[in-house]
């Protein structure tokens, strides 16, 4: 990665806006998805960085024009679900179609007293912090021939539930934090507040089988050839920001039973 990256400028612009009290605005109480995304778009506009906004179901949400980078934006209500989020179109990754992908997480009040409210905390992380695999390609498939008359199609439409930085690390609540790969160069506007190591797991899920009779889902796994490999990241904060350290949680989120129950109830 080079200094051509837009991420430090984008992050600085967002932090400045938070400090200056620039609020999220929603059109009405039914606007549950795009209000934080619109706030981030306004910050991108302030940078004068040329960018394109994808369609509703495209990935990532915003693509930078002159640099192969993109931003995926996730707003989280607080208090509420904050340690995991749903990925409806793509599994998180630090690279997509040759673009470096950064994830933008912002928490806002779950029950504000109006249609304007602050960004409570803010984390931008490189996608590799969430998942370092660049090989997997998301595709939805279907199976024909289901039902008594064999004329029903079953569509395999994947949704992934991934951890947020709030579920992986401590020390980011109510602050503004930037998490980047170790070799990423930043300016002296930033100070280091943590070094974070994520280790690859022993096994990889490479498939699954759903039994329609028993309603069971069985994963297929193989040994991970990169098991134990360390991916090192650094947590940064603006020079005039708090010194609170960012550390990997002693018990990072692995499986969240409540999320599985929510999926079963949908």
Protein backbone atom coordinates (compact mmCIF):
# COMPACT_ATOMS: atom_id res chain seq x y z
CA UNK A 1 0.00 0.00 0.00
CA UNK A 2 1.23 3.47 -0.81
CA UNK A 3 0.60 6.99 0.30
CA UNK A 4 -1.77 7.34 -2.66
CA UNK A 5 -4.44 5.74 -0.48
CA UNK A 6 -7.43 7.89 0.40
CA UNK A 7 -8.16 6.26 3.74
CA UNK A 8 -6.28 8.64 6.06
CA UNK A 9 -7.83 11.70 4.42
CA UNK A 10 -11.31 10.17 4.57
CA UNK A 11 -10.84 9.16 8.20
CA UNK A 12 -9.52 12.61 9.19
CA UNK A 13 -12.46 14.32 7.48
CA UNK A 14 -14.94 12.10 9.33
CA UNK A 15 -13.27 12.67 12.71
CA UNK A 16 -13.30 16.43 12.15
CA UNK A 17 -17.00 16.29 11.29
CA UNK A 18 -17.76 14.32 14.47
CA UNK A 19 -15.82 16.83 16.58
CA UNK A 20 -17.64 19.71 14.89
CA UNK A 21 -21.01 18.18 15.69
CA UNK A 22 -22.12 17.29 12.17
CA UNK A 23 -25.09 15.05 12.82
CA UNK A 24 -26.65 12.11 11.07
CA UNK A 25 -30.00 13.07 9.57
CA UNK A 26 -32.72 10.61 8.71
CA UNK A 27 -35.75 11.45 6.62
CA UNK A 28 -38.14 9.67 8.98
CA UNK A 29 -38.28 6.83 11.51
CA UNK A 30 -38.62 4.29 8.68
CA UNK A 31 -35.18 5.29 7.37
CA UNK A 32 -33.31 2.45 9.09
CA UNK A 33 -30.58 1.73 6.55
CA UNK A 34 -29.20 4.69 4.65
CA UNK A 35 -28.98 7.55 7.18
CA UNK A 36 -25.42 6.74 8.32
CA UNK A 37 -24.41 5.93 4.75
CA UNK A 38 -25.67 9.37 3.70
CA UNK A 39 -23.65 10.97 6.50
CA UNK A 40 -20.51 9.22 5.22
CA UNK A 41 -21.30 10.26 1.64
CA UNK A 42 -21.42 13.89 2.77
CA UNK A 43 -17.94 13.46 4.26
CA UNK A 44 -16.63 11.96 1.01
CA UNK A 45 -18.03 14.98 -0.82
CA UNK A 46 -16.14 17.26 1.57
CA UNK A 47 -12.82 15.63 0.67
CA UNK A 48 -13.25 16.43 -3.06
CA UNK A 49 -12.04 12.88 -3.76
CA UNK A 50 -13.74 11.64 -6.92
CA UNK A 51 -15.99 8.72 -6.06
CA UNK A 52 -18.91 6.71 -7.35
CA UNK A 53 -21.85 5.38 -5.36
CA UNK A 54 -23.00 1.88 -6.15
CA UNK A 55 -26.58 0.76 -6.58
CA UNK A 56 -28.54 -0.53 -3.61
CA UNK A 57 -27.23 -4.11 -3.75
CA UNK A 58 -23.79 -3.48 -5.23
CA UNK A 59 -20.49 -3.85 -3.43
CA UNK A 60 -18.75 -1.87 -2.09
CA UNK A 61 -21.03 1.06 -1.26
CA UNK A 62 -18.56 3.64 -2.59
CA UNK A 63 -15.75 3.30 -5.12
CA UNK A 64 -12.86 5.74 -5.43
CA UNK A 65 -12.16 6.77 -9.02
CA UNK A 66 -8.43 7.57 -9.21
CA UNK A 67 -7.24 4.87 -6.76
CA UNK A 68 -8.35 1.23 -6.68
CA UNK A 69 -10.13 1.51 -3.33
CA UNK A 70 -13.65 1.14 -2.03
CA UNK A 71 -15.62 1.77 1.16
CA UNK A 72 -18.32 -0.46 2.64
CA UNK A 73 -20.42 1.36 5.26
CA UNK A 74 -22.14 -0.22 8.26
CA UNK A 75 -24.25 1.76 10.71
CA UNK A 76 -24.94 0.18 14.11
CA UNK A 77 -27.60 1.24 16.60
CA UNK A 78 -26.41 1.56 20.21
CA UNK A 79 -27.41 0.01 22.50
CA UNK A 80 -28.29 -2.93 20.29
CA UNK A 81 -26.63 -5.44 18.04
CA UNK A 82 -23.06 -4.24 17.66
CA UNK A 83 -20.61 -7.16 17.75
CA UNK A 84 -21.81 -8.76 14.50
CA UNK A 85 -23.44 -7.56 11.31
CA UNK A 86 -25.10 -9.11 8.25
CA UNK A 87 -23.27 -9.23 4.92
CA UNK A 88 -26.03 -9.70 2.36
CA UNK A 89 -24.00 -9.53 -0.84
CA UNK A 90 -20.32 -10.23 -0.14
CA UNK A 91 -18.26 -11.88 2.55
CA UNK A 92 -15.91 -9.25 4.06
CA UNK A 93 -12.48 -9.06 2.47
CA UNK A 94 -9.65 -6.61 2.04
CA UNK A 95 -9.72 -6.98 -1.74
CA UNK A 96 -12.53 -7.12 -4.27
CA UNK A 97 -12.03 -7.01 -8.05
CA UNK A 98 -8.58 -5.53 -7.54
CA UNK A 99 -9.75 -2.83 -5.12
CA UNK A 100 -8.57 -2.46 -1.55
CA UNK A 101 -11.70 -2.43 0.61
CA UNK A 102 -12.10 -0.46 3.82
CA UNK A 103 -15.02 -0.97 6.21
CA UNK A 104 -16.61 2.00 7.94
CA UNK A 105 -18.47 1.34 11.19
CA UNK A 106 -20.36 4.03 13.04
CA UNK A 107 -22.60 3.69 16.09
CA UNK A 108 -25.49 6.03 16.69
CA UNK A 109 -28.28 6.23 19.34
CA UNK A 110 -30.81 3.43 18.99
CA UNK A 111 -33.67 5.63 20.23
CA UNK A 112 -32.89 9.25 19.36
CA UNK A 113 -35.34 11.96 20.36
CA UNK A 114 -35.49 13.33 16.83
CA UNK A 115 -34.33 12.77 13.27
CA UNK A 116 -30.85 14.23 13.84
CA UNK A 117 -28.31 12.61 16.14
CA UNK A 118 -24.54 12.23 16.61
CA UNK A 119 -22.06 9.56 15.58
CA UNK A 120 -21.20 8.03 18.96
CA UNK A 121 -18.07 6.23 17.85
CA UNK A 122 -16.34 5.51 14.58
CA UNK A 123 -14.02 2.77 13.31
CA UNK A 124 -12.49 2.41 9.86
CA UNK A 125 -10.64 -0.85 9.25
CA UNK A 126 -9.02 -2.55 6.31
CA UNK A 127 -11.13 -5.49 5.17
CA UNK A 128 -8.33 -7.95 5.89
CA UNK A 129 -8.87 -7.25 9.57
CA UNK A 130 -12.27 -8.93 9.24
CA UNK A 131 -11.24 -11.65 6.78
CA UNK A 132 -7.87 -12.06 5.04
CA UNK A 133 -9.09 -14.47 2.32
CA UNK A 134 -9.09 -12.91 -1.16
CA UNK A 135 -9.87 -16.09 -3.12
CA UNK A 136 -13.51 -16.79 -2.29
CA UNK A 137 -16.03 -15.55 -4.87
CA UNK A 138 -19.62 -15.05 -3.73
CA UNK A 139 -22.25 -16.61 -6.00
CA UNK A 140 -25.88 -17.56 -5.50
CA UNK A 141 -26.97 -20.87 -7.00
CA UNK A 142 -30.22 -22.81 -7.28
CA UNK A 143 -31.51 -26.39 -7.38
CA UNK A 144 -34.48 -27.45 -9.50
CA UNK A 145 -36.91 -30.29 -8.97
CA UNK A 146 -38.10 -29.79 -5.40
CA UNK A 147 -41.65 -30.55 -4.25
CA UNK A 148 -44.31 -33.14 -5.06
CA UNK A 149 -44.43 -32.14 -8.72
CA UNK A 150 -40.71 -31.35 -9.08
CA UNK A 151 -41.45 -27.84 -10.28
CA UNK A 152 -40.16 -25.84 -7.30
CA UNK A 153 -36.74 -24.20 -7.35
CA UNK A 154 -34.63 -23.84 -4.21
CA UNK A 155 -32.44 -20.78 -4.29
CA UNK A 156 -29.22 -20.82 -2.25
CA UNK A 157 -28.96 -17.14 -1.36
CA UNK A 158 -26.09 -16.73 1.07
CA UNK A 159 -25.99 -14.26 3.93
CA UNK A 160 -22.89 -14.00 6.09
CA UNK A 161 -22.76 -12.88 9.72
CA UNK A 162 -19.37 -11.33 10.46
CA UNK A 163 -17.87 -9.75 13.58
CA UNK A 164 -17.51 -5.99 13.78
CA UNK A 165 -14.42 -4.35 15.27
CA UNK A 166 -16.51 -3.86 18.43
CA UNK A 167 -16.65 -7.65 18.74
CA UNK A 168 -12.98 -8.24 17.97
CA UNK A 169 -11.19 -5.54 19.97
CA UNK A 170 -11.52 -3.49 23.13
CA UNK A 171 -10.73 0.21 23.41
CA UNK A 172 -12.74 1.61 20.49
CA UNK A 173 -16.06 2.43 22.20
CA UNK A 174 -16.96 6.15 22.11
CA UNK A 175 -13.75 6.97 20.22
CA UNK A 176 -12.56 7.29 16.61
CA UNK A 177 -10.08 4.62 15.51
CA UNK A 178 -8.35 3.61 12.29
CA UNK A 179 -7.13 0.00 11.89
CA UNK A 180 -4.69 -0.71 9.07
CA UNK A 181 -2.20 -3.42 8.08
CA UNK A 182 1.15 -3.11 9.81
CA UNK A 183 3.04 -1.91 6.70
CA UNK A 184 0.59 0.89 5.93
CA UNK A 185 2.30 4.30 6.12
CA UNK A 186 0.51 7.14 7.93
CA UNK A 187 1.54 10.75 8.59
CA UNK A 188 2.56 12.34 11.88
CA UNK A 189 -1.06 13.50 12.29
CA UNK A 190 -1.65 10.04 13.77
CA UNK A 191 -0.45 8.24 16.87
CA UNK A 192 -0.21 4.50 17.46
CA UNK A 193 -2.63 3.15 20.06
CA UNK A 194 -2.33 -0.59 19.54
CA UNK A 195 -0.80 -3.48 17.62
CA UNK A 196 -3.32 -6.21 16.81
CA UNK A 197 -2.55 -9.77 15.77
CA UNK A 198 -5.12 -12.08 14.18
CA UNK A 199 -4.16 -15.73 13.66
CA UNK A 200 -5.59 -17.98 10.99
CA UNK A 201 -7.73 -20.89 12.18
CA UNK A 202 -6.87 -24.59 12.02
CA UNK A 203 -9.65 -25.45 9.59
CA UNK A 204 -11.42 -23.83 6.65
CA UNK A 205 -15.09 -24.30 5.77
CA UNK A 206 -15.14 -25.20 2.06
CA UNK A 207 -18.73 -26.33 1.72
CA UNK A 208 -21.93 -27.35 3.48
CA UNK A 209 -24.83 -29.78 3.08
CA UNK A 210 -28.42 -28.96 4.04
CA UNK A 211 -30.64 -31.93 4.83
CA UNK A 212 -34.20 -30.97 3.88
CA UNK A 213 -35.63 -33.88 5.90
CA UNK A 214 -33.91 -33.06 9.17
CA UNK A 215 -33.40 -29.32 8.60
CA UNK A 216 -29.73 -29.66 9.50
CA UNK A 217 -26.81 -27.78 8.02
CA UNK A 218 -23.49 -29.64 8.07
CA UNK A 219 -20.23 -27.85 7.22
CA UNK A 220 -17.43 -29.44 5.22
CA UNK A 221 -13.97 -28.46 6.41
CA UNK A 222 -10.35 -29.00 5.41
CA UNK A 223 -7.11 -28.24 7.25
CA UNK A 224 -6.01 -24.67 6.70
CA UNK A 225 -2.58 -24.72 4.98
CA UNK A 226 -1.92 -21.32 6.57
CA UNK A 227 -3.00 -22.28 10.07
CA UNK A 228 -1.39 -20.11 12.71
CA UNK A 229 -0.27 -17.47 10.23
CA UNK A 230 -0.33 -14.06 11.89
CA UNK A 231 -1.85 -10.98 10.27
CA UNK A 232 -0.63 -7.89 12.09
CA UNK A 233 -2.52 -4.59 12.15
CA UNK A 234 -1.97 -1.27 13.84
CA UNK A 235 -4.62 0.88 15.49
CA UNK A 236 -4.25 4.61 14.98
CA UNK A 237 -5.90 7.70 16.40
CA UNK A 238 -5.54 11.38 15.60
CA UNK A 239 -2.58 12.96 17.39
CA UNK A 240 -4.84 15.09 19.62
CA UNK A 241 -7.18 12.17 20.42
CA UNK A 242 -7.37 10.01 23.56
CA UNK A 243 -4.52 7.59 24.35
CA UNK A 244 -6.76 4.64 25.27
CA UNK A 245 -5.14 1.44 24.01
CA UNK A 246 -6.80 -0.87 21.51
CA UNK A 247 -6.34 -4.59 22.20
CA UNK A 248 -7.68 -7.87 20.88
CA UNK A 249 -10.44 -9.15 23.14
CA UNK A 250 -9.46 -12.11 25.29
CA UNK A 251 -12.51 -13.92 23.94
CA UNK A 252 -13.24 -12.59 20.43
CA UNK A 253 -16.64 -13.34 18.96
CA UNK A 254 -16.55 -16.76 17.26
CA UNK A 255 -20.12 -18.06 17.26
CA UNK A 256 -23.02 -15.97 18.52
CA UNK A 257 -25.96 -18.20 19.47
CA UNK A 258 -28.36 -15.26 19.56
CA UNK A 259 -27.61 -14.49 15.92
CA UNK A 260 -28.28 -18.12 14.95
CA UNK A 261 -31.64 -17.92 16.73
CA UNK A 262 -32.48 -14.73 14.84
CA UNK A 263 -31.69 -16.45 11.53
CA UNK A 264 -33.87 -19.44 12.47
CA UNK A 265 -36.77 -17.10 13.27
CA UNK A 266 -36.64 -15.15 10.00
